[in-house]
């Protein structure tokens, strides 16, 4: 029998297989589970690979068969009906989350491997590398990527918008309908409620009682669906700009529920989903529904999460998406844009984070990683913050690492090195946009650059140690991973910062005097 004549798989068989892939709710308490529960969850996790493989094989057999059409008479993916496609998507997207890619996209990278591992343990502990790969294969079979020619890069897959609407209305909406609604939303329209419609009379507890109901455990039954964040993220990532008006009331309530949740893992999922939405959503829709102000307020609350172990990605996302939202909803050169950017920098970051995070280097690093784009957008307006910026960015260049010394080498701690790199990556655009005001700060900046160069580059080069190879020295010490590449990048950034400082301050004679003392310069 040819593939084209094979009948579609029975819905009952497909449905039972998809149902068996729903992660147990105990994964929400994985870290605090007892040994017996751990063993049971690990067994389920390993078994999910075989079930995903079985689902993939079933879909491969079905590809090319007679399409099982939905109510619209359209093929909804690999010949499956609308209900079948939605069931497959809901079963596989919780496994298709690629946290490495997500973390890289928000400013992570190779130096944030430990951070990614923490995210994996909190956000998707039920995923194994093999199950993630098979789940992505299944989605690619349903909606394959296309390319214009063999040499052109593949284009994102086109997912029928009616499939996404059906997923939102028949799978996601019922889950949240059983929970208490977000207190600031009209669930029928997806619009922000005016303050007069949010609170309750004082005798009923006022606004505080509304918020308490929203956070009550009985009112958060949606958390019983493990992997729901991955489903909503995939759905929003594939929505087209023209489809948002029609599904606004289906997207915003679950999105805001995630974003305003008090538990950091769910809040981070909300930030991921908002990021996907802001890439395509029409700015007019954000403004006319009042959701722009609601999201901006939620971003401000997210920036207060500084004590969580996943605070760095939360802060990087909250800052970068605050900027994205400001650019979407304000006009270039307008007072509204300038005021919003100043509030983000002055109040949300400098006053609310830097003031209290002096003993949280990972938190400070996260803000430094997210700020360069904000500085470029604020441009010369950053001059009002130079008194806070310059000390914050030069201090890591002046202070030695706090880690125990490696025998035979000046102490270098990977975290401190990444903070130095992040400081320089922010200092360089700051010098450029604030060039008219750099003269008063030239010696402060130059002092930090030179001291960092001498302590990290020159002093280490004098030692008879092969720093570039990372090999152990005669005392048995060894280079921590990533130090070699970091030192090379640090050297290049210090040079770039000096060049930009000279460009901003042409009368800076101190640099030419340094050149005359440096016989090793090119």
Protein backbone atom coordinates (compact mmCIF):
# COMPACT_ATOMS: atom_id res chain seq x y z
CA UNK A 1 0.00 0.00 0.00
CA UNK A 2 1.42 3.40 -0.97
CA UNK A 3 1.73 6.23 1.52
CA UNK A 4 -0.86 8.23 -0.37
CA UNK A 5 -3.48 5.53 0.17
CA UNK A 6 -2.81 4.95 3.85
CA UNK A 7 -5.62 6.08 6.15
CA UNK A 8 -4.94 8.58 8.92
CA UNK A 9 -4.11 7.09 12.32
CA UNK A 10 -7.08 6.51 14.60
CA UNK A 11 -7.85 9.58 16.68
CA UNK A 12 -8.18 7.46 19.82
CA UNK A 13 -4.67 6.03 19.38
CA UNK A 14 -3.22 9.46 18.68
CA UNK A 15 -5.13 11.00 21.57
CA UNK A 16 -3.98 8.42 24.11
CA UNK A 17 -0.38 8.79 22.98
CA UNK A 18 -0.54 12.58 23.29
CA UNK A 19 -2.20 12.31 26.70
CA UNK A 20 0.60 10.02 27.91
CA UNK A 21 3.13 12.77 27.15
CA UNK A 22 1.61 15.26 29.60
CA UNK A 23 4.28 15.78 32.32
CA UNK A 24 3.15 14.82 35.85
CA UNK A 25 2.32 17.74 38.12
CA UNK A 26 4.97 16.51 40.60
CA UNK A 27 7.60 18.09 38.34
CA UNK A 28 6.50 21.44 39.82
CA UNK A 29 7.95 20.25 43.15
CA UNK A 30 10.88 18.32 41.73
CA UNK A 31 13.56 19.99 43.86
CA UNK A 32 11.74 19.22 47.11
CA UNK A 33 10.47 15.78 46.17
CA UNK A 34 11.42 12.70 48.18
CA UNK A 35 13.59 9.90 46.80
CA UNK A 36 10.62 7.76 45.76
CA UNK A 37 9.01 10.59 43.82
CA UNK A 38 12.35 11.46 42.22
CA UNK A 39 12.77 7.89 41.02
CA UNK A 40 9.24 7.83 39.60
CA UNK A 41 9.72 11.15 37.77
CA UNK A 42 13.06 10.06 36.33
CA UNK A 43 11.44 6.88 35.07
CA UNK A 44 8.69 8.91 33.42
CA UNK A 45 11.24 11.30 31.92
CA UNK A 46 13.23 8.45 30.37
CA UNK A 47 10.05 6.78 29.13
CA UNK A 48 8.90 9.98 27.43
CA UNK A 49 11.71 9.56 24.88
CA UNK A 50 10.22 6.28 23.64
CA UNK A 51 6.71 7.77 23.53
CA UNK A 52 7.91 10.79 21.56
CA UNK A 53 9.75 8.49 19.19
CA UNK A 54 6.55 6.50 18.71
CA UNK A 55 4.63 9.69 17.96
CA UNK A 56 7.27 10.79 15.47
CA UNK A 57 7.12 7.44 13.67
CA UNK A 58 3.33 7.65 13.53
CA UNK A 59 3.50 11.12 11.99
CA UNK A 60 6.13 10.04 9.47
CA UNK A 61 3.83 7.24 8.35
CA UNK A 62 1.02 9.75 8.03
CA UNK A 63 2.93 12.41 6.04
CA UNK A 64 1.75 12.30 2.46
CA UNK A 65 -1.48 10.47 3.31
CA UNK A 66 -4.97 11.70 2.58
CA UNK A 67 -5.50 14.90 4.62
CA UNK A 68 -7.94 14.68 7.46
CA UNK A 69 -9.61 18.06 7.08
CA UNK A 70 -10.84 20.21 9.87
CA UNK A 71 -14.10 22.10 9.93
CA UNK A 72 -12.63 24.77 7.64
CA UNK A 73 -11.76 22.20 5.00
CA UNK A 74 -8.04 22.97 5.32
CA UNK A 75 -5.07 20.74 6.01
CA UNK A 76 -3.73 21.76 9.45
CA UNK A 77 -0.33 20.08 9.31
CA UNK A 78 0.91 16.84 7.69
CA UNK A 79 -2.63 15.90 6.70
CA UNK A 80 -4.05 15.91 10.26
CA UNK A 81 -7.36 17.41 11.27
CA UNK A 82 -7.52 20.56 13.34
CA UNK A 83 -8.15 18.71 16.61
CA UNK A 84 -5.38 16.20 15.88
CA UNK A 85 -2.84 18.93 15.05
CA UNK A 86 -3.65 20.83 18.23
CA UNK A 87 -3.33 17.66 20.32
CA UNK A 88 0.11 16.94 18.82
CA UNK A 89 1.26 20.53 19.37
CA UNK A 90 0.08 20.57 22.99
CA UNK A 91 1.89 17.28 23.64
CA UNK A 92 5.22 18.12 21.99
CA UNK A 93 5.87 21.85 22.53
CA UNK A 94 6.60 21.41 26.27
CA UNK A 95 9.52 19.20 25.18
CA UNK A 96 10.70 21.41 22.29
CA UNK A 97 11.96 24.26 24.50
CA UNK A 98 15.59 25.08 23.67
CA UNK A 99 16.81 26.94 26.75
CA UNK A 100 20.34 27.36 25.40
CA UNK A 101 18.99 29.21 22.38
CA UNK A 102 16.55 31.24 24.46
CA UNK A 103 19.25 32.29 26.91
CA UNK A 104 21.65 33.19 24.08
CA UNK A 105 18.97 35.34 22.45
CA UNK A 106 18.56 37.42 25.61
CA UNK A 107 22.28 38.10 26.08
CA UNK A 108 23.48 34.84 27.59
CA UNK A 109 26.13 32.88 25.74
CA UNK A 110 28.95 30.51 26.46
CA UNK A 111 29.90 32.25 29.71
CA UNK A 112 26.40 31.68 31.09
CA UNK A 113 26.37 27.88 30.96
CA UNK A 114 25.81 27.61 34.71
CA UNK A 115 22.88 30.01 34.43
CA UNK A 116 21.34 27.88 31.66
CA UNK A 117 21.70 24.79 33.83
CA UNK A 118 19.79 26.51 36.63
CA UNK A 119 17.08 27.51 34.16
CA UNK A 120 16.79 23.94 32.94
CA UNK A 121 16.35 22.63 36.48
CA UNK A 122 13.60 25.16 37.26
CA UNK A 123 11.79 25.70 33.96
CA UNK A 124 11.82 22.34 32.17
CA UNK A 125 13.34 19.60 34.31
CA UNK A 126 11.26 16.97 32.45
CA UNK A 127 13.20 17.53 29.20
CA UNK A 128 16.13 15.37 28.12
CA UNK A 129 18.37 16.37 25.18
CA UNK A 130 17.00 13.47 23.15
CA UNK A 131 13.37 14.27 23.92
CA UNK A 132 13.95 17.91 22.95
CA UNK A 133 15.42 16.85 19.63
CA UNK A 134 12.57 14.41 18.84
CA UNK A 135 9.91 16.98 19.80
CA UNK A 136 11.45 19.51 17.44
CA UNK A 137 11.52 16.86 14.70
CA UNK A 138 7.78 16.32 15.21
CA UNK A 139 7.03 20.04 14.87
CA UNK A 140 9.22 20.20 11.75
CA UNK A 141 7.26 17.30 10.25
CA UNK A 142 3.99 19.11 10.91
CA UNK A 143 5.19 22.50 9.68
CA UNK A 144 8.45 22.16 7.72
CA UNK A 145 10.66 25.19 7.10
CA UNK A 146 10.78 26.49 3.55
CA UNK A 147 13.50 28.17 1.51
CA UNK A 148 13.49 30.03 -1.78
CA UNK A 149 16.47 28.12 -3.13
CA UNK A 150 18.92 25.40 -1.99
CA UNK A 151 21.49 28.08 -1.10
CA UNK A 152 19.17 30.42 0.79
CA UNK A 153 18.64 29.99 4.54
CA UNK A 154 15.44 28.20 5.59
CA UNK A 155 12.47 30.41 6.37
CA UNK A 156 10.41 30.02 9.56
CA UNK A 157 7.60 27.50 9.18
CA UNK A 158 4.13 28.78 8.36
CA UNK A 159 1.63 27.56 10.93
CA UNK A 160 -2.05 28.00 9.93
CA UNK A 161 -3.41 30.81 12.08
CA UNK A 162 -6.69 28.94 12.62
CA UNK A 163 -4.66 26.14 14.24
CA UNK A 164 -3.15 28.64 16.68
CA UNK A 165 -6.55 30.17 17.39
CA UNK A 166 -8.00 26.72 18.06
CA UNK A 167 -5.09 25.94 20.40
CA UNK A 168 -5.63 29.18 22.29
CA UNK A 169 -9.41 28.88 22.56
CA UNK A 170 -9.85 25.13 23.11
CA UNK A 171 -6.70 24.16 25.04
CA UNK A 172 -5.18 27.19 26.79
CA UNK A 173 -8.27 29.24 27.60
CA UNK A 174 -10.11 26.45 29.50
CA UNK A 175 -7.03 25.90 31.67
CA UNK A 176 -7.01 29.52 32.81
CA UNK A 177 -10.80 29.76 33.00
CA UNK A 178 -10.70 27.39 35.99
CA UNK A 179 -8.37 29.85 37.80
CA UNK A 180 -8.98 33.30 39.22
CA UNK A 181 -8.72 35.98 36.51
CA UNK A 182 -6.07 38.68 36.31
CA UNK A 183 -7.52 41.61 38.29
CA UNK A 184 -6.55 44.28 35.73
CA UNK A 185 -7.99 42.65 32.60
CA UNK A 186 -11.30 42.43 30.80
CA UNK A 187 -11.25 38.76 29.83
CA UNK A 188 -13.77 39.24 27.03
CA UNK A 189 -11.77 41.90 25.16
CA UNK A 190 -8.20 41.59 26.44
CA UNK A 191 -8.25 45.29 27.37
CA UNK A 192 -6.83 46.84 30.51
CA UNK A 193 -9.52 47.71 33.06
CA UNK A 194 -9.75 51.29 34.35
CA UNK A 195 -8.87 51.67 38.05
CA UNK A 196 -12.52 52.23 38.96
CA UNK A 197 -13.36 48.69 37.83
CA UNK A 198 -10.42 46.93 39.50
CA UNK A 199 -10.96 47.41 43.22
CA UNK A 200 -13.65 46.21 45.59
CA UNK A 201 -15.54 48.17 48.23
CA UNK A 202 -13.52 48.67 51.44
CA UNK A 203 -15.88 46.39 53.36
CA UNK A 204 -14.91 43.58 50.95
CA UNK A 205 -11.19 44.10 51.36
CA UNK A 206 -10.57 46.67 48.63
CA UNK A 207 -7.94 46.15 45.94
CA UNK A 208 -5.73 44.04 48.22
CA UNK A 209 -8.36 41.31 48.34
CA UNK A 210 -8.52 41.17 44.52
CA UNK A 211 -4.77 40.66 44.30
CA UNK A 212 -4.84 38.09 47.09
CA UNK A 213 -7.48 36.08 45.21
CA UNK A 214 -5.33 36.14 42.08
CA UNK A 215 -2.35 34.67 43.96
CA UNK A 216 -4.35 32.20 46.05
CA UNK A 217 -3.27 28.61 45.48
CA UNK A 218 -6.83 27.50 44.71
CA UNK A 219 -7.05 30.29 42.16
CA UNK A 220 -3.89 29.18 40.35
CA UNK A 221 -5.02 25.82 39.06
CA UNK A 222 -3.34 26.56 35.72
CA UNK A 223 -0.03 25.66 37.37
CA UNK A 224 -1.17 22.05 37.43
CA UNK A 225 -0.52 21.85 33.67
CA UNK A 226 3.24 21.33 33.55
CA UNK A 227 4.85 22.74 30.40
CA UNK A 228 2.08 25.26 29.72
CA UNK A 229 4.63 28.06 29.30
CA UNK A 230 6.25 26.20 26.39
CA UNK A 231 2.88 25.73 24.66
CA UNK A 232 1.94 29.41 24.94
CA UNK A 233 5.43 30.53 23.90
CA UNK A 234 5.34 28.40 20.73
CA UNK A 235 1.86 29.64 19.91
CA UNK A 236 2.71 33.35 20.32
CA UNK A 237 6.01 32.89 18.42
CA UNK A 238 4.07 31.71 15.37
CA UNK A 239 1.27 34.28 15.41
CA UNK A 240 1.32 36.69 12.48
CA UNK A 241 0.86 40.42 13.02
CA UNK A 242 -2.48 40.41 11.22
CA UNK A 243 -3.85 37.70 13.52
CA UNK A 244 -3.40 39.52 16.84
CA UNK A 245 -6.59 41.57 16.64
CA UNK A 246 -8.68 38.42 16.38
CA UNK A 247 -6.98 36.49 19.21
CA UNK A 248 -6.10 39.37 21.53
CA UNK A 249 -8.60 38.28 24.20
CA UNK A 250 -7.11 34.76 24.04
CA UNK A 251 -3.43 35.79 24.25
CA UNK A 252 -3.34 38.59 26.82
CA UNK A 253 -5.02 36.94 29.87
CA UNK A 254 -2.67 33.92 30.05
CA UNK A 255 0.33 36.05 29.11
CA UNK A 256 -0.32 38.59 31.89
CA UNK A 257 -1.03 35.77 34.34
CA UNK A 258 2.44 34.37 33.70
CA UNK A 259 4.10 37.79 33.70
CA UNK A 260 2.60 38.95 37.01
CA UNK A 261 3.00 35.68 38.89
CA UNK A 262 4.94 35.94 42.14
CA UNK A 263 7.10 32.86 41.46
CA UNK A 264 10.22 33.69 39.40
CA UNK A 265 10.07 30.69 36.99
CA UNK A 266 6.56 31.61 35.82
CA UNK A 267 7.48 35.29 35.63
CA UNK A 268 10.45 34.37 33.42
CA UNK A 269 8.15 32.38 31.14
CA UNK A 270 5.95 35.47 30.94
CA UNK A 271 8.95 37.55 29.87
CA UNK A 272 9.88 35.01 27.19
CA UNK A 273 6.31 35.09 25.86
CA UNK A 274 6.12 38.90 25.91
CA UNK A 275 9.40 39.03 24.00
CA UNK A 276 7.94 36.77 21.31
CA UNK A 277 4.79 38.91 21.11
CA UNK A 278 6.60 42.26 20.86
CA UNK A 279 8.45 41.08 17.77
CA UNK A 280 5.23 41.14 15.69
CA UNK A 281 2.34 42.73 17.58
CA UNK A 282 0.98 45.99 16.06
CA UNK A 283 1.87 48.94 18.27
CA UNK A 284 -1.56 50.48 17.75
CA UNK A 285 -3.18 47.43 19.34
CA UNK A 286 -0.99 47.76 22.42
CA UNK A 287 -1.92 51.40 22.86
CA UNK A 288 -5.66 51.28 22.17
CA UNK A 289 -6.19 48.37 24.58
CA UNK A 290 -4.07 49.94 27.33
CA UNK A 291 -1.92 46.82 27.54
CA UNK A 292 1.27 48.82 26.92
CA UNK A 293 0.93 50.51 30.31
CA UNK A 294 0.04 47.24 32.02
CA UNK A 295 3.08 45.46 30.57
CA UNK A 296 5.36 48.38 31.43
CA UNK A 297 4.17 48.21 35.03
CA UNK A 298 4.82 44.45 35.06
CA UNK A 299 8.36 45.00 33.76
CA UNK A 300 8.98 47.35 36.67
CA UNK A 301 7.84 44.67 39.11
CA UNK A 302 10.06 42.09 37.41
CA UNK A 303 13.10 44.30 38.01
CA UNK A 304 12.50 43.92 41.75
CA UNK A 305 13.27 40.17 41.56
CA UNK A 306 16.92 40.44 42.56
CA UNK A 307 17.21 37.62 45.11
CA UNK A 308 16.11 34.74 42.91
CA UNK A 309 18.69 32.37 41.46
CA UNK A 310 17.27 33.17 38.02
CA UNK A 311 17.36 36.93 38.63
CA UNK A 312 19.97 37.61 35.86
CA UNK A 313 17.84 36.39 32.91
CA UNK A 314 14.75 38.03 34.44
CA UNK A 315 16.54 41.39 34.65
CA UNK A 316 18.10 41.15 31.18
CA UNK A 317 14.72 40.37 29.64
CA UNK A 318 12.82 42.99 31.64
CA UNK A 319 15.28 45.72 30.60
CA UNK A 320 15.56 44.73 26.94
CA UNK A 321 11.81 44.32 26.53
CA UNK A 322 11.13 47.59 28.37
CA UNK A 323 13.23 49.26 25.69
CA UNK A 324 11.39 47.35 22.94
CA UNK A 325 8.02 48.40 24.35
CA UNK A 326 9.09 52.04 24.63
CA UNK A 327 10.26 52.10 21.01
CA UNK A 328 7.03 50.45 19.85
CA UNK A 329 4.64 52.77 21.65
CA UNK A 330 6.36 56.19 21.50
CA UNK A 331 7.57 58.40 18.65
CA UNK A 332 11.24 59.06 17.96
CA UNK A 333 12.38 62.34 19.50
CA UNK A 334 9.21 62.71 21.58
CA UNK A 335 9.11 63.78 25.21
CA UNK A 336 7.24 60.58 26.08
CA UNK A 337 10.07 58.42 24.76
CA UNK A 338 12.75 60.46 26.50
CA UNK A 339 10.87 60.40 29.83
CA UNK A 340 10.26 56.65 29.59
CA UNK A 341 13.93 55.93 28.85
CA UNK A 342 15.05 58.16 31.72
CA UNK A 343 12.66 56.40 34.09
CA UNK A 344 14.02 53.03 33.00
CA UNK A 345 17.64 54.08 33.55
CA UNK A 346 17.34 56.44 36.50
CA UNK A 347 14.61 54.86 38.62
CA UNK A 348 14.35 51.21 37.59
CA UNK A 349 18.06 50.44 37.23
CA UNK A 350 20.23 52.98 39.05
CA UNK A 351 17.96 53.66 42.03
CA UNK A 352 16.15 50.35 42.40
CA UNK A 353 18.89 47.87 41.42
CA UNK A 354 22.40 49.34 41.64
CA UNK A 355 21.69 50.96 45.00
CA UNK A 356 20.88 47.61 46.62
CA UNK A 357 22.80 45.09 44.50
CA UNK A 358 26.36 46.05 45.47
CA UNK A 359 26.80 42.55 46.95
CA UNK A 360 25.13 40.77 43.99
CA UNK A 361 27.67 40.82 41.14
CA UNK A 362 25.59 38.53 38.89
CA UNK A 363 22.65 40.95 39.18
CA UNK A 364 24.83 43.94 38.32
CA UNK A 365 26.31 42.06 35.37
CA UNK A 366 22.81 41.34 34.03
CA UNK A 367 21.96 45.05 34.01
CA UNK A 368 25.25 45.94 32.33
CA UNK A 369 24.59 43.35 29.61
CA UNK A 370 21.17 44.82 28.83
CA UNK A 371 22.05 48.53 28.96
CA UNK A 372 24.16 49.22 25.80
CA UNK A 373 21.10 49.39 23.52
CA UNK A 374 19.32 51.63 26.04
CA UNK A 375 22.33 53.98 26.13
CA UNK A 376 22.49 54.16 22.34
CA UNK A 377 18.79 55.01 22.18
CA UNK A 378 18.92 57.61 24.96
CA UNK A 379 21.99 59.08 23.26
CA UNK A 380 23.32 62.34 24.70
CA UNK A 381 20.52 62.25 27.26
CA UNK A 382 22.75 59.83 29.20
CA UNK A 383 24.82 62.81 30.36
CA UNK A 384 22.42 63.37 33.25
CA UNK A 385 23.43 59.94 34.59
CA UNK A 386 27.22 60.17 34.15
CA UNK A 387 27.81 60.68 37.87
CA UNK A 388 26.30 57.25 38.47
CA UNK A 389 27.46 55.53 35.30
CA UNK A 390 31.19 56.30 35.39
CA UNK A 391 31.92 55.07 38.95
CA UNK A 392 29.81 51.95 38.38
CA UNK A 393 31.65 51.09 35.14
CA UNK A 394 35.19 51.95 36.21
CA UNK A 395 35.11 50.29 39.64
CA UNK A 396 35.30 46.70 38.26
CA UNK A 397 38.33 47.74 36.19
CA UNK A 398 40.12 49.07 39.25
CA UNK A 399 39.32 46.39 41.80
CA UNK A 400 41.20 43.09 41.79
CA UNK A 401 39.35 39.81 41.63
CA UNK A 402 38.18 38.50 45.00
CA UNK A 403 38.86 34.85 44.16
CA UNK A 404 41.72 32.91 45.75
CA UNK A 405 44.85 33.26 43.62
CA UNK A 406 45.88 30.57 41.18
CA UNK A 407 49.45 29.60 42.17
CA UNK A 408 51.90 31.59 40.12
CA UNK A 409 49.27 33.88 38.57
CA UNK A 410 47.51 37.09 39.63
CA UNK A 411 44.01 36.12 40.79
CA UNK A 412 41.37 36.11 38.08
CA UNK A 413 37.84 35.04 38.81
CA UNK A 414 35.57 34.20 35.82
CA UNK A 415 32.64 36.17 37.25
CA UNK A 416 34.78 39.24 37.88
CA UNK A 417 36.23 38.98 34.37
CA UNK A 418 32.76 38.87 32.81
CA UNK A 419 31.77 41.95 34.83
CA UNK A 420 34.84 43.76 33.47
CA UNK A 421 33.87 42.77 29.93
CA UNK A 422 30.27 43.87 30.44
CA UNK A 423 31.42 47.17 31.96
CA UNK A 424 33.60 47.92 28.94
CA UNK A 425 30.86 46.98 26.48
CA UNK A 426 28.67 49.60 28.15
CA UNK A 427 31.43 52.16 28.71
CA UNK A 428 32.35 52.27 25.01
CA UNK A 429 28.91 53.38 23.69
CA UNK A 430 28.57 55.71 26.68
CA UNK A 431 31.82 57.48 25.69
CA UNK A 432 30.54 57.84 22.13
CA UNK A 433 27.07 59.20 22.86
CA UNK A 434 28.30 61.51 25.66
CA UNK A 435 31.44 62.72 23.85
CA UNK A 436 30.71 66.43 24.56
CA UNK A 437 30.84 65.72 28.31
CA UNK A 438 33.72 63.25 28.37
CA UNK A 439 36.43 65.84 28.96
CA UNK A 440 35.59 66.17 32.66
CA UNK A 441 35.72 62.38 33.05
CA UNK A 442 38.69 61.62 30.81
CA UNK A 443 41.27 61.05 33.55
CA UNK A 444 38.93 58.94 35.68
CA UNK A 445 38.23 56.67 32.72
CA UNK A 446 41.84 56.59 31.52
CA UNK A 447 43.07 55.72 35.02
CA UNK A 448 40.72 52.73 35.16
CA UNK A 449 41.64 51.53 31.66
CA UNK A 450 45.38 51.74 32.29
CA UNK A 451 45.24 50.08 35.70
CA UNK A 452 43.15 47.24 34.31
CA UNK A 453 45.61 46.79 31.43
CA UNK A 454 48.61 46.71 33.75
CA UNK A 455 47.12 44.41 36.39
CA UNK A 456 45.49 41.92 34.03
CA UNK A 457 47.56 42.04 30.84
CA UNK A 458 51.08 43.31 31.54
CA UNK A 459 51.73 41.75 34.97
CA UNK A 460 50.53 38.36 33.82
CA UNK A 461 52.63 38.51 30.65
CA UNK A 462 55.75 38.93 32.75
CA UNK A 463 55.24 35.57 34.41
CA UNK A 464 56.67 32.48 32.78
CA UNK A 465 53.24 30.95 32.31
CA UNK A 466 51.56 30.01 29.08
CA UNK A 467 48.34 31.91 29.70
CA UNK A 468 46.97 31.29 26.24
CA UNK A 469 47.15 27.50 26.48
CA UNK A 470 45.38 27.15 29.81
CA UNK A 471 47.89 24.48 30.90
CA UNK A 472 48.81 23.83 34.49
CA UNK A 473 51.82 25.68 35.86
CA UNK A 474 54.65 24.27 37.92
CA UNK A 475 52.74 24.82 41.18
CA UNK A 476 49.84 22.72 39.98
CA UNK A 477 47.46 25.62 39.26
CA UNK A 478 45.32 25.70 36.17
CA UNK A 479 43.31 28.21 34.19
CA UNK A 480 39.54 28.18 34.83
CA UNK A 481 37.54 27.53 31.64
CA UNK A 482 36.97 30.56 29.44
CA UNK A 483 39.70 32.72 31.00
CA UNK A 484 41.94 32.68 27.92
CA UNK A 485 39.25 33.87 25.52
CA UNK A 486 38.03 36.38 28.08
CA UNK A 487 41.49 37.93 28.47
CA UNK A 488 41.84 38.32 24.70
CA UNK A 489 38.42 39.99 24.52
CA UNK A 490 39.29 42.21 27.49
CA UNK A 491 42.48 43.33 25.76
CA UNK A 492 40.60 44.26 22.59
CA UNK A 493 37.90 46.15 24.50
CA UNK A 494 40.46 48.13 26.52
CA UNK A 495 42.14 49.18 23.28
CA UNK A 496 38.81 50.15 21.71
CA UNK A 497 37.83 52.17 24.78
CA UNK A 498 41.13 54.08 24.66
CA UNK A 499 40.66 54.87 20.97
CA UNK A 500 37.11 56.11 21.55
CA UNK A 501 38.20 58.18 24.53
CA UNK A 502 40.85 59.88 22.40
CA UNK A 503 38.26 60.54 19.68
CA UNK A 504 35.93 62.10 22.24
CA UNK A 505 38.76 64.11 23.84
CA UNK A 506 41.30 65.01 21.08
CA UNK A 507 43.32 67.11 23.53
CA UNK A 508 43.99 64.09 25.75
CA UNK A 509 47.80 64.27 25.92
CA UNK A 510 48.08 61.50 28.47
CA UNK A 511 47.46 58.80 25.85
CA UNK A 512 50.28 59.97 23.60
CA UNK A 513 52.57 60.01 26.64
CA UNK A 514 51.59 56.40 27.35
CA UNK A 515 52.34 55.46 23.75
CA UNK A 516 55.83 56.84 24.09
CA UNK A 517 56.41 54.52 27.05
CA UNK A 518 54.94 51.44 25.37
CA UNK A 519 57.54 49.76 23.19
CA UNK A 520 55.28 46.77 22.49
CA UNK A 521 52.45 48.64 20.76
CA UNK A 522 51.82 47.92 17.08
